[in-house]
């Protein structure tokens, strides 16, 4: 017996209702595509910039500052 499109939509709707009733919220995220050549190019660009820094301590200070707003972060 073939499942119809309407049946699939109904199953998805019920699943979402169950999850919502359990206190979950649906969330969609867009993240960088690590398989993309553009991603690799940007990684190389940022790595070159980091390599040109005067000292490692400058980079570490920058990273500590960047993550200091993250709750629970302890450098």
PDB file of N, CA and C in Angstrom:
ATOM      1  N   UNK A   1       0.847  -1.180   0.000  1.00  0.00           N
ATOM      2  CA  UNK A   1       0.000   0.000   0.000  1.00  0.00           C
ATOM      3  C   UNK A   1       0.891   1.241   0.000  1.00  0.00           C
ATOM      4  N   UNK A   2       0.721   2.083  -0.974  1.00  0.00           N
ATOM      5  CA  UNK A   2       1.534   3.289  -1.108  1.00  0.00           C
ATOM      6  C   UNK A   2       1.042   4.369  -0.140  1.00  0.00           C
ATOM      7  N   UNK A   3       1.989   5.080   0.436  1.00  0.00           N
ATOM      8  CA  UNK A   3       1.652   6.172   1.338  1.00  0.00           C
ATOM      9  C   UNK A   3       1.433   7.423   0.510  1.00  0.00           C
ATOM     10  N   UNK A   4       0.331   8.087   0.748  1.00  0.00           N
ATOM     11  CA  UNK A   4       0.036   9.293  -0.025  1.00  0.00           C
ATOM     12  C   UNK A   4       0.746  10.492   0.577  1.00  0.00           C
ATOM     13  N   UNK A   5       0.840  11.511  -0.233  1.00  0.00           N
ATOM     14  CA  UNK A   5       1.463  12.765   0.204  1.00  0.00           C
ATOM     15  C   UNK A   5       0.727  13.328   1.418  1.00  0.00           C
ATOM     16  N   UNK A   6      -0.598  13.276   1.386  1.00  0.00           N
ATOM     17  CA  UNK A   6      -1.396  13.792   2.506  1.00  0.00           C
ATOM     18  C   UNK A   6      -1.119  13.016   3.792  1.00  0.00           C
ATOM     19  N   UNK A   7      -0.926  11.708   3.674  1.00  0.00           N
ATOM     20  CA  UNK A   7      -0.626  10.891   4.846  1.00  0.00           C
ATOM     21  C   UNK A   7       0.728  11.278   5.428  1.00  0.00           C
ATOM     22  N   UNK A   8       1.710  11.502   4.558  1.00  0.00           N
ATOM     23  CA  UNK A   8       3.022  11.918   5.033  1.00  0.00           C
ATOM     24  C   UNK A   8       2.946  13.264   5.744  1.00  0.00           C
ATOM     25  N   UNK A   9       2.212  14.199   5.166  1.00  0.00           N
ATOM     26  CA  UNK A   9       2.064  15.514   5.795  1.00  0.00           C
ATOM     27  C   UNK A   9       1.374  15.405   7.155  1.00  0.00           C
ATOM     28  N   UNK A  10       0.393  14.531   7.245  1.00  0.00           N
ATOM     29  CA  UNK A  10      -0.323  14.330   8.507  1.00  0.00           C
ATOM     30  C   UNK A  10       0.615  13.724   9.555  1.00  0.00           C
ATOM     31  N   UNK A  11       1.458  12.779   9.147  1.00  0.00           N
ATOM     32  CA  UNK A  11       2.425  12.183  10.081  1.00  0.00           C
ATOM     33  C   UNK A  11       3.400  13.233  10.595  1.00  0.00           C
ATOM     34  N   UNK A  12       3.878  14.092   9.722  1.00  0.00           N
ATOM     35  CA  UNK A  12       4.799  15.158  10.118  1.00  0.00           C
ATOM     36  C   UNK A  12       4.099  16.119  11.068  1.00  0.00           C
ATOM     37  N   UNK A  13       2.851  16.471  10.763  1.00  0.00           N
ATOM     38  CA  UNK A  13       2.099  17.385  11.616  1.00  0.00           C
ATOM     39  C   UNK A  13       1.926  16.802  13.016  1.00  0.00           C
ATOM     40  N   UNK A  14       1.561  15.519  13.096  1.00  0.00           N
ATOM     41  CA  UNK A  14       1.388  14.870  14.406  1.00  0.00           C
ATOM     42  C   UNK A  14       2.705  14.786  15.169  1.00  0.00           C
ATOM     43  N   UNK A  15       3.794  14.477  14.463  1.00  0.00           N
ATOM     44  CA  UNK A  15       5.107  14.417  15.100  1.00  0.00           C
ATOM     45  C   UNK A  15       5.461  15.774  15.698  1.00  0.00           C
ATOM     46  N   UNK A  16       5.252  16.829  14.936  1.00  0.00           N
ATOM     47  CA  UNK A  16       5.560  18.176  15.430  1.00  0.00           C
ATOM     48  C   UNK A  16       4.695  18.539  16.628  1.00  0.00           C
ATOM     49  N   UNK A  17       3.437  18.150  16.603  1.00  0.00           N
ATOM     50  CA  UNK A  17       2.549  18.413  17.740  1.00  0.00           C
ATOM     51  C   UNK A  17       3.044  17.678  18.992  1.00  0.00           C
ATOM     52  N   UNK A  18       3.457  16.414  18.821  1.00  0.00           N
ATOM     53  CA  UNK A  18       3.969  15.636  19.966  1.00  0.00           C
ATOM     54  C   UNK A  18       5.214  16.295  20.544  1.00  0.00           C
ATOM     55  N   UNK A  19       6.122  16.700  19.673  1.00  0.00           N
ATOM     56  CA  UNK A  19       7.358  17.327  20.144  1.00  0.00           C
ATOM     57  C   UNK A  19       7.044  18.646  20.869  1.00  0.00           C
ATOM     58  N   UNK A  20       6.137  19.414  20.315  1.00  0.00           N
ATOM     59  CA  UNK A  20       5.751  20.683  20.942  1.00  0.00           C
ATOM     60  C   UNK A  20       5.126  20.430  22.309  1.00  0.00           C
ATOM     61  N   UNK A  21       4.291  19.401  22.404  1.00  0.00           N
ATOM     62  CA  UNK A  21       3.649  19.057  23.673  1.00  0.00           C
ATOM     63  C   UNK A  21       4.679  18.627  24.717  1.00  0.00           C
ATOM     64  N   UNK A  22       5.819  18.116  24.267  1.00  0.00           N
ATOM     65  CA  UNK A  22       6.889  17.699  25.185  1.00  0.00           C
ATOM     66  C   UNK A  22       7.810  18.865  25.547  1.00  0.00           C
ATOM     67  N   UNK A  23       7.486  20.051  25.041  1.00  0.00           N
ATOM     68  CA  UNK A  23       8.264  21.224  25.407  1.00  0.00           C
ATOM     69  C   UNK A  23       9.383  21.576  24.437  1.00  0.00           C
ATOM     70  N   UNK A  24       9.384  20.954  23.264  1.00  0.00           N
ATOM     71  CA  UNK A  24      10.403  21.264  22.266  1.00  0.00           C
ATOM     72  C   UNK A  24       9.905  22.333  21.302  1.00  0.00           C
ATOM     73  N   UNK A  25      10.846  23.039  20.721  1.00  0.00           N
ATOM     74  CA  UNK A  25      10.537  24.056  19.721  1.00  0.00           C
ATOM     75  C   UNK A  25      11.350  23.728  18.484  1.00  0.00           C
ATOM     76  N   UNK A  26      10.685  23.774  17.322  1.00  0.00           N
ATOM     77  CA  UNK A  26      11.386  23.483  16.078  1.00  0.00           C
ATOM     78  C   UNK A  26      12.328  24.638  15.749  1.00  0.00           C
ATOM     79  N   UNK A  27      13.504  24.286  15.283  1.00  0.00           N
ATOM     80  CA  UNK A  27      14.520  25.283  14.979  1.00  0.00           C
ATOM     81  C   UNK A  27      15.231  24.878  13.695  1.00  0.00           C
ATOM     82  N   UNK A  28      15.350  25.818  12.773  1.00  0.00           N
ATOM     83  CA  UNK A  28      16.101  25.573  11.540  1.00  0.00           C
ATOM     84  C   UNK A  28      17.350  26.422  11.580  1.00  0.00           C
ATOM     85  N   UNK A  29      18.476  25.832  11.227  1.00  0.00           N
ATOM     86  CA  UNK A  29      19.753  26.539  11.256  1.00  0.00           C
ATOM     87  C   UNK A  29      20.424  26.472   9.892  1.00  0.00           C
ATOM     88  N   UNK A  30      21.049  27.563   9.517  1.00  0.00           N
ATOM     89  CA  UNK A  30      21.905  27.584   8.346  1.00  0.00           C
ATOM     90  C   UNK A  30      23.327  27.647   8.853  1.00  0.00           C
ATOM     91  N   UNK A  31      24.141  26.725   8.416  1.00  0.00           N
ATOM     92  CA  UNK A  31      25.539  26.674   8.834  1.00  0.00           C
ATOM     93  C   UNK A  31      26.428  26.669   7.599  1.00  0.00           C
ATOM     94  N   UNK A  32      27.676  27.085   7.748  1.00  0.00           N
ATOM     95  CA  UNK A  32      28.576  27.067   6.593  1.00  0.00           C
ATOM     96  C   UNK A  32      28.718  25.650   6.032  1.00  0.00           C
ATOM     97  N   UNK A  33      28.785  25.557   4.724  1.00  0.00           N
ATOM     98  CA  UNK A  33      28.988  24.281   4.052  1.00  0.00           C
ATOM     99  C   UNK A  33      30.483  23.999   4.008  1.00  0.00           C
ATOM    100  N   UNK A  34      30.938  23.134   4.893  1.00  0.00           N
ATOM    101  CA  UNK A  34      32.370  22.866   5.007  1.00  0.00           C
ATOM    102  C   UNK A  34      32.919  22.118   3.792  1.00  0.00           C
ATOM    103  N   UNK A  35      32.043  21.647   2.910  1.00  0.00           N
ATOM    104  CA  UNK A  35      32.481  20.971   1.688  1.00  0.00           C
ATOM    105  C   UNK A  35      32.709  21.941   0.540  1.00  0.00           C
ATOM    106  N   UNK A  36      32.291  23.179   0.728  1.00  0.00           N
ATOM    107  CA  UNK A  36      32.370  24.181  -0.331  1.00  0.00           C
ATOM    108  C   UNK A  36      33.801  24.681  -0.533  1.00  0.00           C
ATOM    109  N   UNK A  37      34.219  24.867  -1.785  1.00  0.00           N
ATOM    110  CA  UNK A  37      35.534  25.461  -2.040  1.00  0.00           C
ATOM    111  C   UNK A  37      35.652  26.868  -1.434  1.00  0.00           C
ATOM    112  N   UNK A  38      34.546  27.587  -1.383  1.00  0.00           N
ATOM    113  CA  UNK A  38      34.566  28.932  -0.787  1.00  0.00           C
ATOM    114  C   UNK A  38      34.882  28.867   0.704  1.00  0.00           C
ATOM    115  N   UNK A  39      34.397  27.826   1.368  1.00  0.00           N
ATOM    116  CA  UNK A  39      34.677  27.667   2.791  1.00  0.00           C
ATOM    117  C   UNK A  39      36.176  27.450   2.996  1.00  0.00           C
ATOM    118  N   UNK A  40      36.757  26.554   2.209  1.00  0.00           N
ATOM    119  CA  UNK A  40      38.195  26.272   2.317  1.00  0.00           C
ATOM    120  C   UNK A  40      39.006  27.526   2.019  1.00  0.00           C
ATOM    121  N   UNK A  41      38.570  28.283   1.026  1.00  0.00           N
ATOM    122  CA  UNK A  41      39.262  29.528   0.677  1.00  0.00           C
ATOM    123  C   UNK A  41      39.224  30.526   1.832  1.00  0.00           C
ATOM    124  N   UNK A  42      38.077  30.644   2.476  1.00  0.00           N
ATOM    125  CA  UNK A  42      37.944  31.561   3.608  1.00  0.00           C
ATOM    126  C   UNK A  42      38.788  31.093   4.793  1.00  0.00           C
ATOM    127  N   UNK A  43      38.858  29.792   5.016  1.00  0.00           N
ATOM    128  CA  UNK A  43      39.723  29.258   6.086  1.00  0.00           C
ATOM    129  C   UNK A  43      41.175  29.621   5.820  1.00  0.00           C
ATOM    130  N   UNK A  44      41.613  29.453   4.578  1.00  0.00           N
ATOM    131  CA  UNK A  44      42.997  29.809   4.236  1.00  0.00           C
ATOM    132  C   UNK A  44      43.239  31.296   4.440  1.00  0.00           C
ATOM    133  N   UNK A  45      42.271  32.127   4.023  1.00  0.00           N
ATOM    134  CA  UNK A  45      42.413  33.574   4.166  1.00  0.00           C
ATOM    135  C   UNK A  45      42.568  33.963   5.639  1.00  0.00           C
ATOM    136  N   UNK A  46      41.711  33.404   6.481  1.00  0.00           N
ATOM    137  CA  UNK A  46      41.772  33.734   7.894  1.00  0.00           C
ATOM    138  C   UNK A  46      43.038  33.178   8.549  1.00  0.00           C
ATOM    139  N   UNK A  47      43.480  32.016   8.097  1.00  0.00           N
ATOM    140  CA  UNK A  47      44.719  31.446   8.633  1.00  0.00           C
ATOM    141  C   UNK A  47      45.915  32.322   8.292  1.00  0.00           C
ATOM    142  N   UNK A  48      45.941  32.831   7.063  1.00  0.00           N
ATOM    143  CA  UNK A  48      47.037  33.723   6.664  1.00  0.00           C
ATOM    144  C   UNK A  48      47.040  34.990   7.504  1.00  0.00           C
ATOM    145  N   UNK A  49      45.844  35.532   7.750  1.00  0.00           N
ATOM    146  CA  UNK A  49      45.755  36.731   8.593  1.00  0.00           C
ATOM    147  C   UNK A  49      46.270  36.447   9.999  1.00  0.00           C
ATOM    148  N   UNK A  50      45.888  35.308  10.543  1.00  0.00           N
ATOM    149  CA  UNK A  50      46.334  34.953  11.894  1.00  0.00           C
ATOM    150  C   UNK A  50      47.845  34.747  11.925  1.00  0.00           C
ATOM    151  N   UNK A  51      48.402  34.177  10.860  1.00  0.00           N
ATOM    152  CA  UNK A  51      49.842  33.923  10.812  1.00  0.00           C
ATOM    153  C   UNK A  51      50.650  35.209  10.752  1.00  0.00           C
ATOM    154  N   UNK A  52      50.041  36.281  10.260  1.00  0.00           N
ATOM    155  CA  UNK A  52      50.752  37.556  10.143  1.00  0.00           C
ATOM    156  C   UNK A  52      50.736  38.359  11.436  1.00  0.00           C
ATOM    157  N   UNK A  53      50.030  37.878  12.439  1.00  0.00           N
ATOM    158  CA  UNK A  53      49.983  38.607  13.707  1.00  0.00           C
ATOM    159  C   UNK A  53      51.378  38.680  14.319  1.00  0.00           C
ATOM    160  N   UNK A  54      51.600  39.748  15.106  1.00  0.00           N
ATOM    161  CA  UNK A  54      52.921  39.975  15.690  1.00  0.00           C
ATOM    162  C   UNK A  54      53.354  38.870  16.637  1.00  0.00           C
ATOM    163  N   UNK A  55      52.424  38.367  17.426  1.00  0.00           N
ATOM    164  CA  UNK A  55      52.820  37.333  18.380  1.00  0.00           C
ATOM    165  C   UNK A  55      51.634  36.429  18.691  1.00  0.00           C
ATOM    166  N   UNK A  56      51.964  35.270  19.193  1.00  0.00           N
ATOM    167  CA  UNK A  56      50.927  34.322  19.560  1.00  0.00           C
ATOM    168  C   UNK A  56      50.071  34.862  20.704  1.00  0.00           C
ATOM    169  N   UNK A  57      50.686  35.629  21.603  1.00  0.00           N
ATOM    170  CA  UNK A  57      49.926  36.154  22.743  1.00  0.00           C
ATOM    171  C   UNK A  57      48.841  37.119  22.275  1.00  0.00           C
ATOM    172  N   UNK A  58      49.094  37.871  21.178  1.00  0.00           N
ATOM    173  CA  UNK A  58      48.058  38.753  20.630  1.00  0.00           C
ATOM    174  C   UNK A  58      46.851  37.945  20.171  1.00  0.00           C
ATOM    175  N   UNK A  59      47.122  36.832  19.516  1.00  0.00           N
ATOM    176  CA  UNK A  59      46.037  35.977  19.036  1.00  0.00           C
ATOM    177  C   UNK A  59      45.275  35.387  20.215  1.00  0.00           C
ATOM    178  N   UNK A  60      46.004  34.901  21.210  1.00  0.00           N
ATOM    179  CA  UNK A  60      45.344  34.307  22.373  1.00  0.00           C
ATOM    180  C   UNK A  60      44.511  35.334  23.126  1.00  0.00           C
ATOM    181  N   UNK A  61      45.034  36.562  23.261  1.00  0.00           N
ATOM    182  CA  UNK A  61      44.260  37.636  23.906  1.00  0.00           C
ATOM    183  C   UNK A  61      42.984  37.921  23.114  1.00  0.00           C
ATOM    184  N   UNK A  62      43.096  37.951  21.787  1.00  0.00           N
ATOM    185  CA  UNK A  62      41.928  38.192  20.940  1.00  0.00           C
ATOM    186  C   UNK A  62      40.897  37.087  21.129  1.00  0.00           C
ATOM    187  N   UNK A  63      41.350  35.839  21.121  1.00  0.00           N
ATOM    188  CA  UNK A  63      40.423  34.719  21.286  1.00  0.00           C
ATOM    189  C   UNK A  63      39.768  34.735  22.661  1.00  0.00           C
ATOM    190  N   UNK A  64      40.530  35.047  23.708  1.00  0.00           N
ATOM    191  CA  UNK A  64      39.955  35.132  25.049  1.00  0.00           C
ATOM    192  C   UNK A  64      38.876  36.203  25.109  1.00  0.00           C
ATOM    193  N   UNK A  65      39.137  37.340  24.472  1.00  0.00           N
ATOM    194  CA  UNK A  65      38.152  38.423  24.435  1.00  0.00           C
ATOM    195  C   UNK A  65      36.919  37.991  23.653  1.00  0.00           C
ATOM    196  N   UNK A  66      37.141  37.309  22.533  1.00  0.00           N
ATOM    197  CA  UNK A  66      36.028  36.903  21.680  1.00  0.00           C
ATOM    198  C   UNK A  66      35.088  35.929  22.374  1.00  0.00           C
ATOM    199  N   UNK A  67      35.614  35.042  23.207  1.00  0.00           N
ATOM    200  CA  UNK A  67      34.780  34.039  23.851  1.00  0.00           C
ATOM    201  C   UNK A  67      34.332  34.432  25.258  1.00  0.00           C
ATOM    202  N   UNK A  68      34.768  35.579  25.726  1.00  0.00           N
ATOM    203  CA  UNK A  68      34.447  35.961  27.106  1.00  0.00           C
ATOM    204  C   UNK A  68      32.954  36.160  27.348  1.00  0.00           C
ATOM    205  N   UNK A  69      32.192  36.415  26.292  1.00  0.00           N
ATOM    206  CA  UNK A  69      30.756  36.602  26.444  1.00  0.00           C
ATOM    207  C   UNK A  69      29.976  35.285  26.444  1.00  0.00           C
ATOM    208  N   UNK A  70      30.642  34.180  26.194  1.00  0.00           N
ATOM    209  CA  UNK A  70      29.967  32.889  26.157  1.00  0.00           C
ATOM    210  C   UNK A  70      29.783  32.400  27.599  1.00  0.00           C
ATOM    211  N   UNK A  71      28.526  32.146  27.940  1.00  0.00           N
ATOM    212  CA  UNK A  71      28.212  31.734  29.304  1.00  0.00           C
ATOM    213  C   UNK A  71      28.926  30.430  29.648  1.00  0.00           C
ATOM    214  N   UNK A  72      29.587  30.416  30.767  1.00  0.00           N
ATOM    215  CA  UNK A  72      30.254  29.222  31.232  1.00  0.00           C
ATOM    216  C   UNK A  72      31.682  29.080  30.723  1.00  0.00           C
ATOM    217  N   UNK A  73      32.136  30.002  29.883  1.00  0.00           N
ATOM    218  CA  UNK A  73      33.485  29.894  29.332  1.00  0.00           C
ATOM    219  C   UNK A  73      34.498  30.357  30.365  1.00  0.00           C
ATOM    220  N   UNK A  74      35.488  29.540  30.578  1.00  0.00           N
ATOM    221  CA  UNK A  74      36.574  29.900  31.476  1.00  0.00           C
ATOM    222  C   UNK A  74      37.888  29.595  30.777  1.00  0.00           C
ATOM    223  N   UNK A  75      38.621  30.629  30.373  1.00  0.00           N
ATOM    224  CA  UNK A  75      39.891  30.377  29.655  1.00  0.00           C
ATOM    225  C   UNK A  75      40.930  29.752  30.551  1.00  0.00           C
TER     226      UNK A  75
END
